């Protein structure tokens, strides 16, 4: 039993040191990412909501719940991000709206897709420049929407201020109906071509879409805009819609987050964005988005790494929860490197030294017993010596000895028998 205790004492100490090292290292393990994300989208009938639904389904497969929060638009989304009480962590934000809020505390995860400025008028109107909308009744988007910010800015650049046109806060189906009925002369809408409203208005034969003849000039003067072309017939080949190529200007939609968003979620959201937006659309070639281009907020470090090098290695081969667990616990390698490796080299020699020292102590006991036996005459004392020798022999038998020291153990047992013979002879009066 003493031999087993010796092993426990030696290696148990190493185990306790290692456990202590793990406990200390665990204090530096990052907290697990939340399993729920709140994403501000936009109108319940808009493209942001549609894309949000796609994100929600993909993230659900990774065990992450995405809560979609409809809003009045991009400006409202930015304000929600700034207000911690809303719980909004991420939002879709239209390009051109960044100046509407203080950017501190916000970070961009990348741009996602192009969403043009569509200017719809009733059929028969021959307006081909925004400057010719002076004096007209215009739907410029709801309060808090990105459309309103962009519309006001571009109209202002064309010399149309609040006094030169009647700018009405109409958006969505309400603006469509108002345009059909003649209550307004034009509707300005910034949206993806996948938005149900845009699809409906493009197929409405009572409306026509204005082409931006000065699209290149807009792009040069306003850096968040890009000229894009809607080819003839792309909406409906059979109906030949549109009946001619249409040139538009388009800001890029971005994903913006609070700067305290968990780093693991940044990579996960961008992987989701790559699945949703990577195949491209009417105005983007495959692989264009997500992108660092057009981002109007500083990119987070994690987003910059992802857009430059792709997802982390672990997330390429493991489910999100497993990759994140391994990544969080990598700090636990510190005890392995700093403790387990040195201990694995130190403890065996320590154990062998302790075994050797015990064998040496037993030899000292044997020498003492042999010396006492040579002078002993009391039978009881000699009997006690035999009992002690048997106890030593039993201890040696139970002692796990490294193979390299097996010869020492066997030599000790032979010497125990030798001393026992000496004691026996002394008890029989046959001592030397």
Protein backbone atom coordinates (compact mmCIF):
# COMPACT_ATOMS: atom_id res chain seq x y z
CA UNK A 1 0.00 0.00 0.00
CA UNK A 2 2.86 2.34 0.75
CA UNK A 3 4.12 1.89 -2.80
CA UNK A 4 0.74 2.85 -4.19
CA UNK A 5 0.60 5.84 -1.85
CA UNK A 6 4.03 6.86 -3.09
CA UNK A 7 2.77 6.93 -6.67
CA UNK A 8 -0.35 8.86 -5.63
CA UNK A 9 1.65 11.42 -3.67
CA UNK A 10 4.13 11.98 -6.50
CA UNK A 11 1.77 12.14 -9.46
CA UNK A 12 -1.15 13.52 -7.45
CA UNK A 13 0.90 16.63 -6.71
CA UNK A 14 1.47 17.09 -10.44
CA UNK A 15 -2.26 16.61 -11.04
CA UNK A 16 -3.17 19.25 -8.47
CA UNK A 17 -0.68 21.71 -9.95
CA UNK A 18 -2.16 21.12 -13.41
CA UNK A 19 -5.74 21.56 -12.15
CA UNK A 20 -4.73 24.79 -10.48
CA UNK A 21 -3.16 25.95 -13.76
CA UNK A 22 -6.39 25.17 -15.65
CA UNK A 23 -8.44 27.06 -13.08
CA UNK A 24 -6.22 30.10 -13.41
CA UNK A 25 -6.29 29.90 -17.24
CA UNK A 26 -10.08 29.54 -17.23
CA UNK A 27 -10.35 33.04 -15.79
CA UNK A 28 -9.13 34.30 -19.17
CA UNK A 29 -11.57 32.28 -21.31
CA UNK A 30 -13.85 34.60 -23.27
CA UNK A 31 -17.56 34.32 -22.51
CA UNK A 32 -19.63 32.26 -24.90
CA UNK A 33 -21.40 34.23 -27.64
CA UNK A 34 -25.12 34.81 -27.11
CA UNK A 35 -27.41 32.33 -28.80
CA UNK A 36 -29.83 35.09 -29.89
CA UNK A 37 -29.17 38.07 -32.17
CA UNK A 38 -31.56 40.99 -32.68
CA UNK A 39 -31.40 42.33 -36.25
CA UNK A 40 -33.14 45.56 -37.27
CA UNK A 41 -34.47 45.20 -40.81
CA UNK A 42 -36.89 47.75 -42.27
CA UNK A 43 -40.38 47.74 -43.68
CA UNK A 44 -42.24 44.47 -43.20
CA UNK A 45 -42.74 44.38 -47.00
CA UNK A 46 -39.20 45.45 -47.93
CA UNK A 47 -36.14 43.58 -49.14
CA UNK A 48 -34.37 43.94 -45.80
CA UNK A 49 -37.11 41.86 -44.20
CA UNK A 50 -36.85 39.25 -46.96
CA UNK A 51 -33.10 38.99 -46.56
CA UNK A 52 -33.55 38.84 -42.80
CA UNK A 53 -35.78 35.79 -43.20
CA UNK A 54 -33.06 34.08 -45.24
CA UNK A 55 -30.50 34.90 -42.55
CA UNK A 56 -32.83 33.58 -39.85
CA UNK A 57 -33.21 30.17 -41.51
CA UNK A 58 -29.47 29.75 -42.10
CA UNK A 59 -28.52 30.80 -38.57
CA UNK A 60 -31.12 28.47 -37.07
CA UNK A 61 -29.17 25.55 -38.55
CA UNK A 62 -26.17 26.73 -36.50
CA UNK A 63 -28.20 26.88 -33.29
CA UNK A 64 -28.46 30.68 -33.29
CA UNK A 65 -31.82 32.43 -33.06
CA UNK A 66 -32.18 35.58 -35.15
CA UNK A 67 -34.90 37.98 -34.03
CA UNK A 68 -36.02 40.27 -36.85
CA UNK A 69 -37.13 43.73 -35.75
CA UNK A 70 -38.99 45.73 -38.44
CA UNK A 71 -38.40 49.48 -38.47
CA UNK A 72 -39.08 52.71 -40.34
CA UNK A 73 -35.78 52.39 -42.18
CA UNK A 74 -32.02 52.82 -42.04
CA UNK A 75 -31.87 55.98 -39.93
CA UNK A 76 -34.18 54.39 -37.37
CA UNK A 77 -31.95 51.29 -37.43
CA UNK A 78 -28.84 53.33 -36.68
CA UNK A 79 -30.59 55.06 -33.79
CA UNK A 80 -31.68 51.70 -32.42
CA UNK A 81 -28.09 50.46 -32.56
CA UNK A 82 -26.97 53.51 -30.60
CA UNK A 83 -29.64 52.90 -27.95
CA UNK A 84 -28.48 49.94 -25.87
CA UNK A 85 -31.94 49.60 -24.33
CA UNK A 86 -33.38 48.36 -27.63
CA UNK A 87 -31.23 45.23 -27.56
CA UNK A 88 -30.51 45.68 -31.28
CA UNK A 89 -27.03 44.29 -32.04
CA UNK A 90 -26.99 44.32 -35.85
CA UNK A 91 -28.88 46.22 -38.55
CA UNK A 92 -29.22 46.52 -42.28
CA UNK A 93 -28.33 50.09 -43.21
CA UNK A 94 -28.60 51.84 -46.55
CA UNK A 95 -25.53 53.57 -47.96
CA UNK A 96 -25.54 57.33 -47.66
CA UNK A 97 -27.20 57.40 -44.25
CA UNK A 98 -24.07 57.30 -42.08
CA UNK A 99 -23.99 61.08 -41.44
CA UNK A 100 -27.42 60.84 -39.80
CA UNK A 101 -25.95 59.60 -36.49
CA UNK A 102 -22.77 59.79 -34.44
CA UNK A 103 -20.69 56.79 -35.66
CA UNK A 104 -19.01 56.16 -32.29
CA UNK A 105 -19.77 52.72 -30.92
CA UNK A 106 -20.74 51.39 -34.34
CA UNK A 107 -18.77 49.26 -36.74
CA UNK A 108 -19.36 47.90 -40.24
CA UNK A 109 -19.30 44.20 -41.04
CA UNK A 110 -19.29 44.92 -44.77
CA UNK A 111 -21.47 45.94 -47.69
CA UNK A 112 -24.02 43.38 -48.88
CA UNK A 113 -25.70 44.39 -52.14
CA UNK A 114 -26.56 47.36 -54.32
CA UNK A 115 -29.99 48.92 -53.95
CA UNK A 116 -30.68 51.56 -56.61
CA UNK A 117 -32.59 54.79 -56.35
CA UNK A 118 -35.72 54.20 -58.40
CA UNK A 119 -37.63 57.24 -59.62
CA UNK A 120 -41.08 56.22 -60.83
CA UNK A 121 -43.48 58.54 -62.68
CA UNK A 122 -46.73 58.06 -64.49
CA UNK A 123 -46.54 56.86 -68.06
CA UNK A 124 -46.19 59.75 -70.50
CA UNK A 125 -43.91 61.88 -68.31
CA UNK A 126 -40.66 62.65 -70.14
CA UNK A 127 -38.47 63.55 -67.16
CA UNK A 128 -34.91 62.24 -67.47
CA UNK A 129 -33.17 64.40 -64.84
CA UNK A 130 -33.90 65.05 -61.19
CA UNK A 131 -33.60 68.80 -61.77
CA UNK A 132 -36.80 68.65 -63.82
CA UNK A 133 -38.79 67.55 -60.79
CA UNK A 134 -38.78 71.12 -59.48
CA UNK A 135 -42.26 72.21 -58.51
CA UNK A 136 -43.59 68.63 -58.48
CA UNK A 137 -45.21 66.61 -55.71
CA UNK A 138 -42.71 63.95 -54.65
CA UNK A 139 -42.85 60.90 -52.39
CA UNK A 140 -39.43 60.88 -50.73
CA UNK A 141 -39.77 58.12 -48.13
CA UNK A 142 -40.97 57.88 -44.57
CA UNK A 143 -39.37 59.66 -41.66
CA UNK A 144 -36.39 57.58 -40.45
CA UNK A 145 -35.84 55.93 -43.82
CA UNK A 146 -32.63 55.91 -45.82
CA UNK A 147 -34.57 56.81 -48.95
CA UNK A 148 -35.45 60.17 -47.43
CA UNK A 149 -31.79 60.98 -46.65
CA UNK A 150 -30.58 60.11 -50.16
CA UNK A 151 -33.54 61.76 -51.91
CA UNK A 152 -33.09 65.04 -50.06
CA UNK A 153 -29.34 65.04 -50.73
CA UNK A 154 -29.63 64.37 -54.47
CA UNK A 155 -32.53 66.76 -54.95
CA UNK A 156 -30.55 69.44 -53.14
CA UNK A 157 -27.60 68.86 -55.49
CA UNK A 158 -30.02 69.50 -58.34
CA UNK A 159 -31.16 72.77 -56.81
CA UNK A 160 -34.42 71.45 -55.41
CA UNK A 161 -34.94 72.29 -51.76
CA UNK A 162 -38.01 72.06 -49.55
CA UNK A 163 -39.34 75.28 -51.13
CA UNK A 164 -38.91 74.13 -54.74
CA UNK A 165 -41.01 70.93 -54.50
CA UNK A 166 -43.65 69.38 -52.29
CA UNK A 167 -41.84 66.54 -50.54
CA UNK A 168 -44.24 64.08 -48.94
CA UNK A 169 -43.31 61.38 -46.38
CA UNK A 170 -44.87 58.58 -48.40
CA UNK A 171 -43.31 55.14 -48.86
CA UNK A 172 -44.15 51.60 -49.82
CA UNK A 173 -47.57 50.66 -51.22
CA UNK A 174 -48.92 54.02 -50.05
CA UNK A 175 -46.58 55.84 -52.42
CA UNK A 176 -47.44 53.41 -55.23
CA UNK A 177 -51.18 54.05 -54.84
CA UNK A 178 -50.65 57.81 -54.58
CA UNK A 179 -48.66 57.78 -57.82
CA UNK A 180 -51.31 55.71 -59.63
CA UNK A 181 -54.07 58.07 -58.49
CA UNK A 182 -52.21 61.22 -59.49
CA UNK A 183 -51.84 62.53 -55.92
CA UNK A 184 -48.09 62.76 -56.53
CA UNK A 185 -45.97 63.23 -59.65
CA UNK A 186 -43.02 61.00 -58.78
CA UNK A 187 -41.95 58.46 -56.15
CA UNK A 188 -38.32 58.11 -55.13
CA UNK A 189 -37.50 54.73 -53.62
CA UNK A 190 -34.18 53.18 -52.60
CA UNK A 191 -34.58 49.41 -52.53
CA UNK A 192 -33.29 46.11 -53.83
CA UNK A 193 -34.87 44.86 -57.06
CA UNK A 194 -36.06 41.89 -54.98
CA UNK A 195 -38.31 44.11 -52.87
CA UNK A 196 -41.98 43.28 -53.56
CA UNK A 197 -42.76 47.00 -53.99
CA UNK A 198 -40.15 47.40 -56.75
CA UNK A 199 -41.33 44.26 -58.55
CA UNK A 200 -44.92 45.54 -58.44
CA UNK A 201 -44.04 49.02 -59.68
CA UNK A 202 -41.78 47.71 -62.48
CA UNK A 203 -44.66 45.60 -63.78
CA UNK A 204 -47.21 48.42 -63.45
CA UNK A 205 -47.90 49.53 -67.05
CA UNK A 206 -49.26 52.86 -65.81
CA UNK A 207 -45.81 53.83 -64.54
CA UNK A 208 -42.45 54.51 -66.15
CA UNK A 209 -38.97 54.44 -64.66
CA UNK A 210 -36.66 57.41 -65.00
CA UNK A 211 -33.19 56.72 -66.39
CA UNK A 212 -30.26 58.65 -64.91
CA UNK A 213 -28.52 60.16 -67.92
CA UNK A 214 -25.98 61.72 -65.53
CA UNK A 215 -25.26 58.54 -63.58
CA UNK A 216 -21.47 58.78 -63.99
CA UNK A 217 -21.51 62.34 -62.70
CA UNK A 218 -23.51 61.30 -59.63
CA UNK A 219 -21.00 58.53 -58.89
CA UNK A 220 -18.07 60.94 -59.11
CA UNK A 221 -19.72 63.61 -56.98
CA UNK A 222 -21.23 61.24 -54.41
CA UNK A 223 -18.83 58.43 -53.61
CA UNK A 224 -21.36 56.08 -52.02
CA UNK A 225 -23.27 55.85 -55.33
CA UNK A 226 -22.48 53.48 -58.19
CA UNK A 227 -23.94 53.59 -61.72
CA UNK A 228 -25.85 50.40 -62.56
CA UNK A 229 -27.79 49.29 -65.62
CA UNK A 230 -31.16 47.56 -65.70
CA UNK A 231 -31.15 45.73 -69.07
CA UNK A 232 -34.15 45.74 -71.34
CA UNK A 233 -36.51 42.82 -70.70
CA UNK A 234 -34.74 41.62 -67.51
CA UNK A 235 -37.86 42.08 -65.36
CA UNK A 236 -40.21 40.28 -67.76
CA UNK A 237 -38.94 39.00 -71.11
CA UNK A 238 -42.41 38.21 -72.43
CA UNK A 239 -43.76 41.66 -71.63
CA UNK A 240 -40.43 43.30 -72.58
CA UNK A 241 -40.05 45.05 -69.22
CA UNK A 242 -38.39 47.41 -69.05
CA UNK A 243 -38.86 48.32 -72.73
CA UNK A 244 -35.37 49.87 -72.86
CA UNK A 245 -32.13 49.82 -70.88
CA UNK A 246 -32.40 51.99 -67.76
CA UNK A 247 -29.39 53.52 -66.01
CA UNK A 248 -29.70 53.99 -62.25
CA UNK A 249 -27.51 55.11 -59.37
CA UNK A 250 -27.22 52.80 -56.39
CA UNK A 251 -25.93 53.03 -52.84
CA UNK A 252 -24.86 49.78 -51.20
CA UNK A 253 -26.68 48.23 -48.28
CA UNK A 254 -24.41 47.54 -45.32
CA UNK A 255 -24.49 45.41 -42.23
CA UNK A 256 -23.70 47.60 -39.23
CA UNK A 257 -23.23 46.35 -35.67
CA UNK A 258 -22.49 47.59 -32.21
CA UNK A 259 -18.77 47.44 -31.56
CA UNK A 260 -19.36 45.10 -28.60
CA UNK A 261 -20.84 42.36 -30.79
CA UNK A 262 -19.17 39.05 -29.93
CA UNK A 263 -16.31 38.37 -32.41
CA UNK A 264 -17.55 34.84 -33.13
CA UNK A 265 -20.90 36.23 -34.26
CA UNK A 266 -19.19 38.60 -36.70
CA UNK A 267 -17.70 35.68 -38.60
CA UNK A 268 -20.94 33.73 -38.44
CA UNK A 269 -22.99 36.64 -39.78
CA UNK A 270 -20.55 37.20 -42.63
CA UNK A 271 -20.61 33.52 -43.56
CA UNK A 272 -24.40 33.82 -43.67
CA UNK A 273 -24.14 36.98 -45.77
CA UNK A 274 -21.86 35.15 -48.19
CA UNK A 275 -24.46 32.42 -48.64
CA UNK A 276 -27.29 34.91 -49.16
CA UNK A 277 -25.59 37.62 -51.24
CA UNK A 278 -22.59 35.80 -52.70
CA UNK A 279 -24.49 34.40 -55.73
CA UNK A 280 -25.15 37.98 -56.91
CA UNK A 281 -28.30 39.58 -58.33
CA UNK A 282 -29.36 41.88 -61.15
CA UNK A 283 -26.63 44.40 -60.34
CA UNK A 284 -23.90 42.24 -58.80
CA UNK A 285 -21.75 39.49 -60.26
CA UNK A 286 -21.27 36.34 -58.15
CA UNK A 287 -18.66 36.74 -55.42
CA UNK A 288 -18.87 40.54 -55.28
CA UNK A 289 -20.48 40.67 -51.83
CA UNK A 290 -20.04 40.79 -48.92
CA UNK A 291 -17.29 43.34 -49.44
CA UNK A 292 -15.24 45.97 -47.67
CA UNK A 293 -16.11 48.40 -50.48
CA UNK A 294 -18.76 51.02 -49.86
CA UNK A 295 -18.62 50.55 -46.07
CA UNK A 296 -19.25 53.95 -44.51
CA UNK A 297 -18.35 52.92 -40.97
CA UNK A 298 -14.98 51.56 -39.83
CA UNK A 299 -14.74 47.82 -40.39
CA UNK A 300 -14.40 45.70 -37.28
CA UNK A 301 -11.12 43.80 -36.99
CA UNK A 302 -12.92 40.47 -37.26
CA UNK A 303 -14.83 41.60 -40.37
CA UNK A 304 -11.65 42.86 -42.00
CA UNK A 305 -9.93 39.52 -41.40
CA UNK A 306 -12.92 37.60 -42.75
CA UNK A 307 -13.24 39.71 -45.90
CA UNK A 308 -9.49 39.41 -46.52
CA UNK A 309 -8.88 35.76 -45.63
CA UNK A 310 -12.24 34.05 -45.23
CA UNK A 311 -13.71 32.38 -42.15
CA UNK A 312 -11.47 31.11 -39.33
CA UNK A 313 -10.01 27.65 -39.97
CA UNK A 314 -12.07 25.95 -37.27
CA UNK A 315 -15.35 27.34 -38.62
CA UNK A 316 -14.53 25.91 -42.04
CA UNK A 317 -14.59 22.35 -40.72
CA UNK A 318 -16.63 22.36 -37.50
CA UNK A 319 -20.16 23.40 -36.57
CA UNK A 320 -20.32 26.90 -35.14
CA UNK A 321 -20.80 25.79 -31.54
CA UNK A 322 -17.87 23.36 -31.68
CA UNK A 323 -15.54 25.80 -33.46
CA UNK A 324 -16.40 28.51 -30.97
CA UNK A 325 -15.87 26.19 -28.00
CA UNK A 326 -12.43 25.16 -29.23
CA UNK A 327 -11.53 28.76 -30.00
CA UNK A 328 -12.61 29.96 -26.56
CA UNK A 329 -10.74 27.18 -24.78
CA UNK A 330 -7.50 27.61 -26.68
CA UNK A 331 -6.24 29.66 -23.75
CA UNK A 332 -6.41 26.39 -21.80
CA UNK A 333 -3.40 25.26 -23.81
CA UNK A 334 -1.31 27.44 -21.51
CA UNK A 335 -1.38 24.88 -18.66
CA UNK A 336 -0.60 22.10 -21.15
CA UNK A 337 2.43 23.90 -22.51
CA UNK A 338 3.68 25.48 -19.29
CA UNK A 339 2.83 22.71 -16.82
CA UNK A 340 1.97 19.34 -18.32
CA UNK A 341 4.98 19.08 -20.64
CA UNK A 342 7.56 20.03 -17.97
CA UNK A 343 5.78 17.91 -15.35
CA UNK A 344 5.74 14.92 -17.68
CA UNK A 345 9.53 15.15 -17.81
CA UNK A 346 10.08 15.99 -14.13
CA UNK A 347 7.66 13.69 -12.30
CA UNK A 348 9.00 10.30 -13.50
CA UNK A 349 12.56 11.09 -12.32
CA UNK A 350 11.12 12.46 -9.06
CA UNK A 351 9.16 9.24 -8.61
CA UNK A 352 12.23 7.12 -9.35
CA UNK A 353 14.25 9.20 -6.89
CA UNK A 354 11.65 8.66 -4.21
CA UNK A 355 11.67 4.90 -4.92
CA UNK A 356 15.47 4.85 -4.76
CA UNK A 357 15.47 6.82 -1.51
CA UNK A 358 12.95 4.37 -0.02
CA UNK A 359 15.10 1.41 -1.08
CA UNK A 360 18.10 3.14 0.50
CA UNK A 361 16.12 3.65 3.73
CA UNK A 362 15.17 -0.04 3.77
CA UNK A 363 18.80 -0.92 3.36
CA UNK A 364 19.57 1.25 6.38
CA UNK A 365 16.90 -0.66 8.31
CA UNK A 366 18.41 -3.98 7.21
CA UNK A 367 21.85 -2.87 8.31
CA UNK A 368 20.49 -1.78 11.69
CA UNK A 369 18.60 -5.10 12.16
CA UNK A 370 21.68 -7.12 11.22
CA UNK A 371 23.81 -5.16 13.69
CA UNK A 372 21.24 -5.58 16.48
CA UNK A 373 20.81 -9.30 15.74
CA UNK A 374 24.52 -9.94 16.19
CA UNK A 375 24.29 -8.76 19.80
CA UNK A 376 20.72 -9.84 20.66
CA UNK A 377 20.03 -12.71 23.08
CA UNK A 378 16.39 -11.97 23.93
CA UNK A 379 14.10 -14.30 21.90
CA UNK A 380 11.31 -11.72 21.84
CA UNK A 381 13.63 -9.08 20.40
CA UNK A 382 14.72 -11.51 17.69
CA UNK A 383 11.09 -12.33 16.96
CA UNK A 384 10.31 -8.61 16.60
CA UNK A 385 13.19 -8.31 14.14
CA UNK A 386 11.69 -11.10 12.02
CA UNK A 387 8.33 -9.35 12.09
CA UNK A 388 9.97 -6.14 10.95
CA UNK A 389 11.80 -7.96 8.16
CA UNK A 390 8.56 -9.54 6.95
CA UNK A 391 6.91 -6.09 6.93
CA UNK A 392 9.75 -4.66 4.87
CA UNK A 393 9.54 -7.58 2.44
CA UNK A 394 5.77 -7.03 2.05
CA UNK A 395 6.29 -3.32 1.37
CA UNK A 396 8.89 -4.05 -1.26
CA UNK A 397 6.55 -6.52 -2.99
CA UNK A 398 3.79 -3.89 -3.20
CA UNK A 399 6.06 -1.12 -4.41
CA UNK A 400 5.59 -0.36 -8.17
CA UNK A 401 9.19 -0.04 -9.27
CA UNK A 402 10.28 1.38 -12.64
CA UNK A 403 11.72 -1.34 -14.83
CA UNK A 404 15.12 0.29 -14.71
CA UNK A 405 15.15 -0.19 -10.90
CA UNK A 406 13.74 -3.72 -10.80
CA UNK A 407 17.19 -5.17 -10.15
CA UNK A 408 17.52 -3.00 -7.03
CA UNK A 409 14.19 -4.27 -5.72
CA UNK A 410 15.13 -7.91 -6.29
CA UNK A 411 18.54 -7.37 -4.69
CA UNK A 412 16.81 -5.82 -1.68
CA UNK A 413 14.52 -8.83 -1.29
CA UNK A 414 17.48 -11.21 -1.47
CA UNK A 415 19.24 -9.20 1.19
CA UNK A 416 16.08 -9.26 3.32
CA UNK A 417 16.14 -13.06 3.17
CA UNK A 418 19.85 -13.00 4.00
CA UNK A 419 19.28 -10.89 7.11
CA UNK A 420 16.29 -13.06 8.09
CA UNK A 421 18.57 -16.12 7.93
CA UNK A 422 21.05 -14.34 10.15
CA UNK A 423 18.32 -13.55 12.67
CA UNK A 424 17.03 -17.16 12.54
CA UNK A 425 20.47 -18.56 13.22
CA UNK A 426 20.95 -16.10 16.05
CA UNK A 427 17.69 -17.28 17.59
CA UNK A 428 18.83 -20.90 17.35
CA UNK A 429 22.17 -20.04 18.93
CA UNK A 430 24.00 -20.58 15.67
CA UNK A 431 25.18 -17.00 15.31
CA UNK A 432 28.69 -16.39 14.21
